[in-house]
Amino acid sequence: MNASIIDAATFTELQESAGADFVAELVDTFLEETPALLNELRSARQQGDADGFRRAAHSIKSNSQTFGALGLGALARDIELQGLHPDAAVDLQAIDALQVAYADAAAALKELRDV
C-alpha cells in the first residue's frame, strides 16, 4: 500500500475497532457509492446547485477520512469549503483531480480489503 494514499494507522485503527470483515463491507460500500457522489458533484456544478455541490463534496470528504484516504479527503474538503467558483472550469479541474485521487484510493483500498 502506498502510505501517501491511505494512512495505515487510520485504516488499522478502523479494523481494530470495527473488525476486518465489517471494514471490508464498508470499503465495498465506499467503492459503490463514491462514483455516484462524484457524478452528483459534476451535476451540481453544471446546474449551479451550491448546496448539492457542497453536500456531495462533504460526503466524499467524510467517507474518505474514515478509511485514511487523507489526500482524497483533503481535496474534497477544499471543494466543499470553496463552494461553487465563479469560473466553472476551476471547479471542473478540481473535480477531475478528485476523480484521479479517488481512483488511486479505490485501488489501495481494494488491496487492503483483499489482504
N, C-alpha and C. Protein backbone atom coordinates (compact mmCIF):
# COMPACT_ATOMS: atom_id res chain seq x y z
N MET A 1 0.85 -1.18 0.00
CA MET A 1 0.00 0.00 0.00
C MET A 1 0.88 1.23 0.00
N ASN A 2 0.47 2.21 -0.74
CA ASN A 2 1.19 3.46 -0.78
C ASN A 2 0.72 4.31 0.39
N ALA A 3 1.64 4.58 1.31
CA ALA A 3 1.30 5.32 2.54
C ALA A 3 0.79 6.72 2.24
N SER A 4 1.13 7.26 1.08
CA SER A 4 0.64 8.59 0.75
C SER A 4 -0.82 8.57 0.30
N ILE A 5 -1.35 7.40 0.02
CA ILE A 5 -2.74 7.29 -0.43
C ILE A 5 -3.66 6.94 0.74
N ILE A 6 -3.29 5.93 1.52
CA ILE A 6 -4.09 5.51 2.68
C ILE A 6 -3.19 5.55 3.91
N ASP A 7 -3.63 6.27 4.93
CA ASP A 7 -2.89 6.34 6.18
C ASP A 7 -3.07 5.00 6.91
N ALA A 8 -1.97 4.28 7.05
CA ALA A 8 -2.01 2.92 7.62
C ALA A 8 -2.56 2.93 9.04
N ALA A 9 -2.17 3.90 9.84
CA ALA A 9 -2.62 3.94 11.24
C ALA A 9 -4.13 4.11 11.31
N THR A 10 -4.69 4.97 10.49
CA THR A 10 -6.14 5.19 10.48
C THR A 10 -6.86 3.92 10.05
N PHE A 11 -6.37 3.28 8.99
CA PHE A 11 -7.02 2.08 8.48
C PHE A 11 -6.93 0.95 9.51
N THR A 12 -5.77 0.78 10.11
CA THR A 12 -5.59 -0.28 11.11
C THR A 12 -6.49 -0.04 12.32
N GLU A 13 -6.55 1.20 12.76
CA GLU A 13 -7.41 1.54 13.90
C GLU A 13 -8.88 1.23 13.59
N LEU A 14 -9.30 1.53 12.38
CA LEU A 14 -10.67 1.23 11.97
C LEU A 14 -10.92 -0.27 12.00
N GLN A 15 -9.98 -1.05 11.49
CA GLN A 15 -10.12 -2.51 11.51
C GLN A 15 -10.16 -3.05 12.93
N GLU A 16 -9.32 -2.51 13.79
CA GLU A 16 -9.29 -2.98 15.18
C GLU A 16 -10.57 -2.64 15.93
N SER A 17 -11.14 -1.48 15.62
CA SER A 17 -12.35 -1.09 16.36
C SER A 17 -13.62 -1.69 15.76
N ALA A 18 -13.67 -1.86 14.45
CA ALA A 18 -14.90 -2.33 13.81
C ALA A 18 -14.82 -3.78 13.33
N GLY A 19 -13.62 -4.32 13.22
CA GLY A 19 -13.44 -5.67 12.71
C GLY A 19 -13.16 -5.67 11.22
N ALA A 20 -12.25 -6.52 10.81
CA ALA A 20 -11.79 -6.56 9.42
C ALA A 20 -12.93 -6.89 8.45
N ASP A 21 -13.82 -7.80 8.83
CA ASP A 21 -14.92 -8.17 7.93
C ASP A 21 -15.86 -7.00 7.69
N PHE A 22 -16.19 -6.28 8.77
CA PHE A 22 -17.08 -5.14 8.63
C PHE A 22 -16.41 -4.03 7.83
N VAL A 23 -15.12 -3.82 8.05
CA VAL A 23 -14.40 -2.80 7.29
C VAL A 23 -14.38 -3.17 5.81
N ALA A 24 -14.25 -4.44 5.49
CA ALA A 24 -14.30 -4.87 4.09
C ALA A 24 -15.65 -4.50 3.47
N GLU A 25 -16.73 -4.68 4.24
CA GLU A 25 -18.05 -4.28 3.75
C GLU A 25 -18.14 -2.77 3.56
N LEU A 26 -17.56 -2.02 4.51
CA LEU A 26 -17.55 -0.56 4.39
C LEU A 26 -16.77 -0.11 3.16
N VAL A 27 -15.65 -0.77 2.90
CA VAL A 27 -14.86 -0.45 1.71
C VAL A 27 -15.70 -0.69 0.46
N ASP A 28 -16.39 -1.83 0.43
CA ASP A 28 -17.23 -2.12 -0.74
C ASP A 28 -18.30 -1.05 -0.94
N THR A 29 -18.91 -0.62 0.14
CA THR A 29 -19.93 0.43 0.06
C THR A 29 -19.32 1.73 -0.45
N PHE A 30 -18.15 2.08 0.07
CA PHE A 30 -17.44 3.28 -0.38
C PHE A 30 -17.15 3.20 -1.88
N LEU A 31 -16.70 2.03 -2.34
CA LEU A 31 -16.37 1.85 -3.75
C LEU A 31 -17.61 1.92 -4.63
N GLU A 32 -18.75 1.51 -4.10
CA GLU A 32 -20.00 1.56 -4.86
C GLU A 32 -20.60 2.97 -4.88
N GLU A 33 -20.51 3.69 -3.77
CA GLU A 33 -21.21 4.97 -3.63
C GLU A 33 -20.42 6.18 -4.11
N THR A 34 -19.12 6.13 -4.02
CA THR A 34 -18.33 7.32 -4.34
C THR A 34 -18.43 7.73 -5.82
N PRO A 35 -18.44 6.80 -6.78
CA PRO A 35 -18.62 7.25 -8.16
C PRO A 35 -19.93 8.02 -8.36
N ALA A 36 -20.99 7.61 -7.67
CA ALA A 36 -22.26 8.35 -7.77
C ALA A 36 -22.12 9.74 -7.15
N LEU A 37 -21.39 9.84 -6.05
CA LEU A 37 -21.16 11.15 -5.43
C LEU A 37 -20.35 12.06 -6.35
N LEU A 38 -19.38 11.49 -7.03
CA LEU A 38 -18.60 12.28 -7.99
C LEU A 38 -19.50 12.78 -9.12
N ASN A 39 -20.41 11.92 -9.56
CA ASN A 39 -21.37 12.34 -10.60
C ASN A 39 -22.30 13.43 -10.07
N GLU A 40 -22.73 13.30 -8.81
CA GLU A 40 -23.57 14.34 -8.20
C GLU A 40 -22.82 15.66 -8.14
N LEU A 41 -21.53 15.59 -7.81
CA LEU A 41 -20.70 16.79 -7.74
C LEU A 41 -20.66 17.49 -9.10
N ARG A 42 -20.42 16.72 -10.15
CA ARG A 42 -20.38 17.28 -11.51
C ARG A 42 -21.74 17.86 -11.91
N SER A 43 -22.77 17.12 -11.61
CA SER A 43 -24.12 17.56 -11.95
C SER A 43 -24.49 18.84 -11.21
N ALA A 44 -24.17 18.89 -9.93
CA ALA A 44 -24.45 20.08 -9.14
C ALA A 44 -23.69 21.28 -9.70
N ARG A 45 -22.45 21.06 -10.13
CA ARG A 45 -21.66 22.16 -10.73
C ARG A 45 -22.35 22.65 -12.00
N GLN A 46 -22.79 21.71 -12.83
CA GLN A 46 -23.41 22.07 -14.11
C GLN A 46 -24.73 22.82 -13.89
N GLN A 47 -25.44 22.46 -12.81
CA GLN A 47 -26.73 23.08 -12.54
C GLN A 47 -26.61 24.32 -11.65
N GLY A 48 -25.42 24.62 -11.19
CA GLY A 48 -25.25 25.75 -10.29
C GLY A 48 -25.87 25.54 -8.93
N ASP A 49 -25.96 24.27 -8.52
CA ASP A 49 -26.58 23.90 -7.24
C ASP A 49 -25.50 23.90 -6.15
N ALA A 50 -25.35 25.05 -5.48
CA ALA A 50 -24.29 25.21 -4.48
C ALA A 50 -24.47 24.25 -3.31
N ASP A 51 -25.70 24.06 -2.84
CA ASP A 51 -25.93 23.15 -1.71
C ASP A 51 -25.60 21.71 -2.08
N GLY A 52 -26.06 21.27 -3.23
CA GLY A 52 -25.77 19.92 -3.69
C GLY A 52 -24.28 19.70 -3.91
N PHE A 53 -23.62 20.73 -4.40
CA PHE A 53 -22.18 20.68 -4.65
C PHE A 53 -21.43 20.47 -3.33
N ARG A 54 -21.76 21.29 -2.34
CA ARG A 54 -21.09 21.16 -1.04
C ARG A 54 -21.45 19.84 -0.35
N ARG A 55 -22.69 19.42 -0.47
CA ARG A 55 -23.12 18.17 0.17
C ARG A 55 -22.36 16.97 -0.39
N ALA A 56 -22.24 16.90 -1.70
CA ALA A 56 -21.52 15.77 -2.33
C ALA A 56 -20.04 15.80 -1.93
N ALA A 57 -19.44 16.98 -1.94
CA ALA A 57 -18.03 17.10 -1.54
C ALA A 57 -17.86 16.71 -0.08
N HIS A 58 -18.79 17.13 0.77
CA HIS A 58 -18.73 16.78 2.19
C HIS A 58 -18.80 15.27 2.40
N SER A 59 -19.69 14.61 1.69
CA SER A 59 -19.83 13.15 1.83
C SER A 59 -18.54 12.44 1.42
N ILE A 60 -17.97 12.87 0.31
CA ILE A 60 -16.72 12.26 -0.15
C ILE A 60 -15.62 12.50 0.88
N LYS A 61 -15.55 13.72 1.41
CA LYS A 61 -14.54 14.05 2.41
C LYS A 61 -14.68 13.15 3.64
N SER A 62 -15.87 13.09 4.18
CA SER A 62 -16.10 12.32 5.41
C SER A 62 -15.80 10.85 5.21
N ASN A 63 -16.30 10.29 4.13
CA ASN A 63 -16.09 8.86 3.86
C ASN A 63 -14.62 8.55 3.64
N SER A 64 -13.93 9.43 2.95
CA SER A 64 -12.50 9.23 2.67
C SER A 64 -11.69 9.22 3.96
N GLN A 65 -11.98 10.17 4.82
CA GLN A 65 -11.24 10.28 6.07
C GLN A 65 -11.46 9.07 6.96
N THR A 66 -12.61 8.46 6.88
CA THR A 66 -12.89 7.26 7.67
C THR A 66 -11.86 6.17 7.41
N PHE A 67 -11.45 6.03 6.16
CA PHE A 67 -10.52 4.97 5.77
C PHE A 67 -9.07 5.42 5.79
N GLY A 68 -8.83 6.68 6.03
CA GLY A 68 -7.46 7.17 6.00
C GLY A 68 -7.01 7.62 4.62
N ALA A 69 -7.97 7.82 3.71
CA ALA A 69 -7.64 8.37 2.39
C ALA A 69 -7.55 9.88 2.55
N LEU A 70 -6.49 10.31 3.22
CA LEU A 70 -6.38 11.69 3.66
C LEU A 70 -6.20 12.68 2.51
N GLY A 71 -5.47 12.29 1.48
CA GLY A 71 -5.31 13.17 0.32
C GLY A 71 -6.63 13.39 -0.39
N LEU A 72 -7.36 12.32 -0.59
CA LEU A 72 -8.68 12.41 -1.22
C LEU A 72 -9.59 13.26 -0.36
N GLY A 73 -9.56 13.03 0.93
CA GLY A 73 -10.39 13.82 1.85
C GLY A 73 -10.03 15.29 1.82
N ALA A 74 -8.75 15.60 1.72
CA ALA A 74 -8.31 17.00 1.69
C ALA A 74 -8.79 17.70 0.42
N LEU A 75 -8.71 17.00 -0.71
CA LEU A 75 -9.20 17.59 -1.96
C LEU A 75 -10.70 17.86 -1.88
N ALA A 76 -11.45 16.90 -1.33
CA ALA A 76 -12.89 17.06 -1.20
C ALA A 76 -13.21 18.19 -0.22
N ARG A 77 -12.43 18.30 0.86
CA ARG A 77 -12.63 19.38 1.82
C ARG A 77 -12.43 20.74 1.16
N ASP A 78 -11.39 20.85 0.35
CA ASP A 78 -11.14 22.11 -0.35
C ASP A 78 -12.31 22.49 -1.25
N ILE A 79 -12.85 21.51 -1.96
CA ILE A 79 -14.01 21.75 -2.83
C ILE A 79 -15.21 22.17 -1.99
N GLU A 80 -15.43 21.45 -0.90
CA GLU A 80 -16.56 21.76 -0.02
C GLU A 80 -16.47 23.19 0.52
N LEU A 81 -15.30 23.57 1.03
CA LEU A 81 -15.14 24.88 1.64
C LEU A 81 -15.21 26.02 0.63
N GLN A 82 -14.69 25.78 -0.55
CA GLN A 82 -14.70 26.82 -1.58
C GLN A 82 -16.11 27.02 -2.12
N GLY A 83 -16.87 25.94 -2.24
CA GLY A 83 -18.18 26.06 -2.87
C GLY A 83 -18.02 26.31 -4.36
N LEU A 84 -19.10 26.72 -4.98
CA LEU A 84 -19.06 26.97 -6.42
C LEU A 84 -18.16 28.16 -6.72
N HIS A 85 -17.23 27.94 -7.61
CA HIS A 85 -16.35 29.01 -8.06
C HIS A 85 -17.06 29.76 -9.19
N PRO A 86 -16.85 31.06 -9.31
CA PRO A 86 -17.49 31.80 -10.41
C PRO A 86 -17.10 31.26 -11.79
N ASP A 87 -15.91 30.70 -11.89
CA ASP A 87 -15.44 30.11 -13.15
C ASP A 87 -15.61 28.59 -13.06
N ALA A 88 -16.58 28.06 -13.78
CA ALA A 88 -16.87 26.63 -13.72
C ALA A 88 -15.65 25.78 -14.04
N ALA A 89 -14.76 26.26 -14.89
CA ALA A 89 -13.56 25.50 -15.27
C ALA A 89 -12.70 25.20 -14.05
N VAL A 90 -12.66 26.11 -13.10
CA VAL A 90 -11.88 25.89 -11.88
C VAL A 90 -12.45 24.70 -11.11
N ASP A 91 -13.76 24.66 -10.96
CA ASP A 91 -14.40 23.54 -10.27
C ASP A 91 -14.22 22.23 -11.04
N LEU A 92 -14.35 22.28 -12.33
CA LEU A 92 -14.21 21.06 -13.12
C LEU A 92 -12.80 20.49 -13.03
N GLN A 93 -11.79 21.36 -12.97
CA GLN A 93 -10.42 20.89 -12.78
C GLN A 93 -10.26 20.24 -11.41
N ALA A 94 -10.88 20.84 -10.40
CA ALA A 94 -10.81 20.28 -9.05
C ALA A 94 -11.52 18.93 -8.99
N ILE A 95 -12.64 18.81 -9.68
CA ILE A 95 -13.37 17.53 -9.71
C ILE A 95 -12.56 16.48 -10.45
N ASP A 96 -11.90 16.87 -11.53
CA ASP A 96 -11.03 15.94 -12.26
C ASP A 96 -9.92 15.42 -11.35
N ALA A 97 -9.30 16.33 -10.58
CA ALA A 97 -8.25 15.92 -9.64
C ALA A 97 -8.81 14.99 -8.57
N LEU A 98 -10.01 15.28 -8.12
CA LEU A 98 -10.67 14.44 -7.13
C LEU A 98 -10.94 13.05 -7.70
N GLN A 99 -11.34 12.98 -8.95
CA GLN A 99 -11.60 11.71 -9.62
C GLN A 99 -10.32 10.86 -9.68
N VAL A 100 -9.20 11.48 -10.00
CA VAL A 100 -7.93 10.76 -10.05
C VAL A 100 -7.54 10.27 -8.67
N ALA A 101 -7.69 11.14 -7.67
CA ALA A 101 -7.36 10.75 -6.29
C ALA A 101 -8.27 9.62 -5.82
N TYR A 102 -9.54 9.66 -6.23
CA TYR A 102 -10.45 8.56 -5.86
C TYR A 102 -9.98 7.25 -6.49
N ALA A 103 -9.60 7.27 -7.75
CA ALA A 103 -9.14 6.05 -8.42
C ALA A 103 -7.93 5.46 -7.69
N ASP A 104 -7.02 6.30 -7.27
CA ASP A 104 -5.84 5.84 -6.53
C ASP A 104 -6.26 5.25 -5.17
N ALA A 105 -7.14 5.96 -4.47
CA ALA A 105 -7.60 5.48 -3.16
C ALA A 105 -8.38 4.18 -3.29
N ALA A 106 -9.21 4.09 -4.33
CA ALA A 106 -10.00 2.87 -4.55
C ALA A 106 -9.08 1.67 -4.78
N ALA A 107 -8.05 1.85 -5.57
CA ALA A 107 -7.11 0.76 -5.84
C ALA A 107 -6.41 0.33 -4.55
N ALA A 108 -5.99 1.31 -3.75
CA ALA A 108 -5.30 1.00 -2.49
C ALA A 108 -6.25 0.31 -1.51
N LEU A 109 -7.50 0.78 -1.44
CA LEU A 109 -8.46 0.16 -0.52
C LEU A 109 -8.81 -1.26 -0.95
N LYS A 110 -8.91 -1.50 -2.25
CA LYS A 110 -9.18 -2.86 -2.73
C LYS A 110 -8.05 -3.80 -2.30
N GLU A 111 -6.83 -3.29 -2.40
CA GLU A 111 -5.66 -4.07 -1.98
C GLU A 111 -5.75 -4.40 -0.49
N LEU A 112 -6.06 -3.41 0.30
CA LEU A 112 -6.16 -3.62 1.74
C LEU A 112 -7.31 -4.53 2.11
N ARG A 113 -8.42 -4.39 1.42
CA ARG A 113 -9.61 -5.20 1.68
C ARG A 113 -9.31 -6.67 1.42
N ASP A 114 -8.50 -6.94 0.41
CA ASP A 114 -8.25 -8.31 -0.03
C ASP A 114 -7.09 -8.98 0.71
N VAL A 115 -6.48 -8.28 1.67
CA VAL A 115 -5.34 -8.86 2.40
C VAL A 115 -5.84 -9.87 3.41
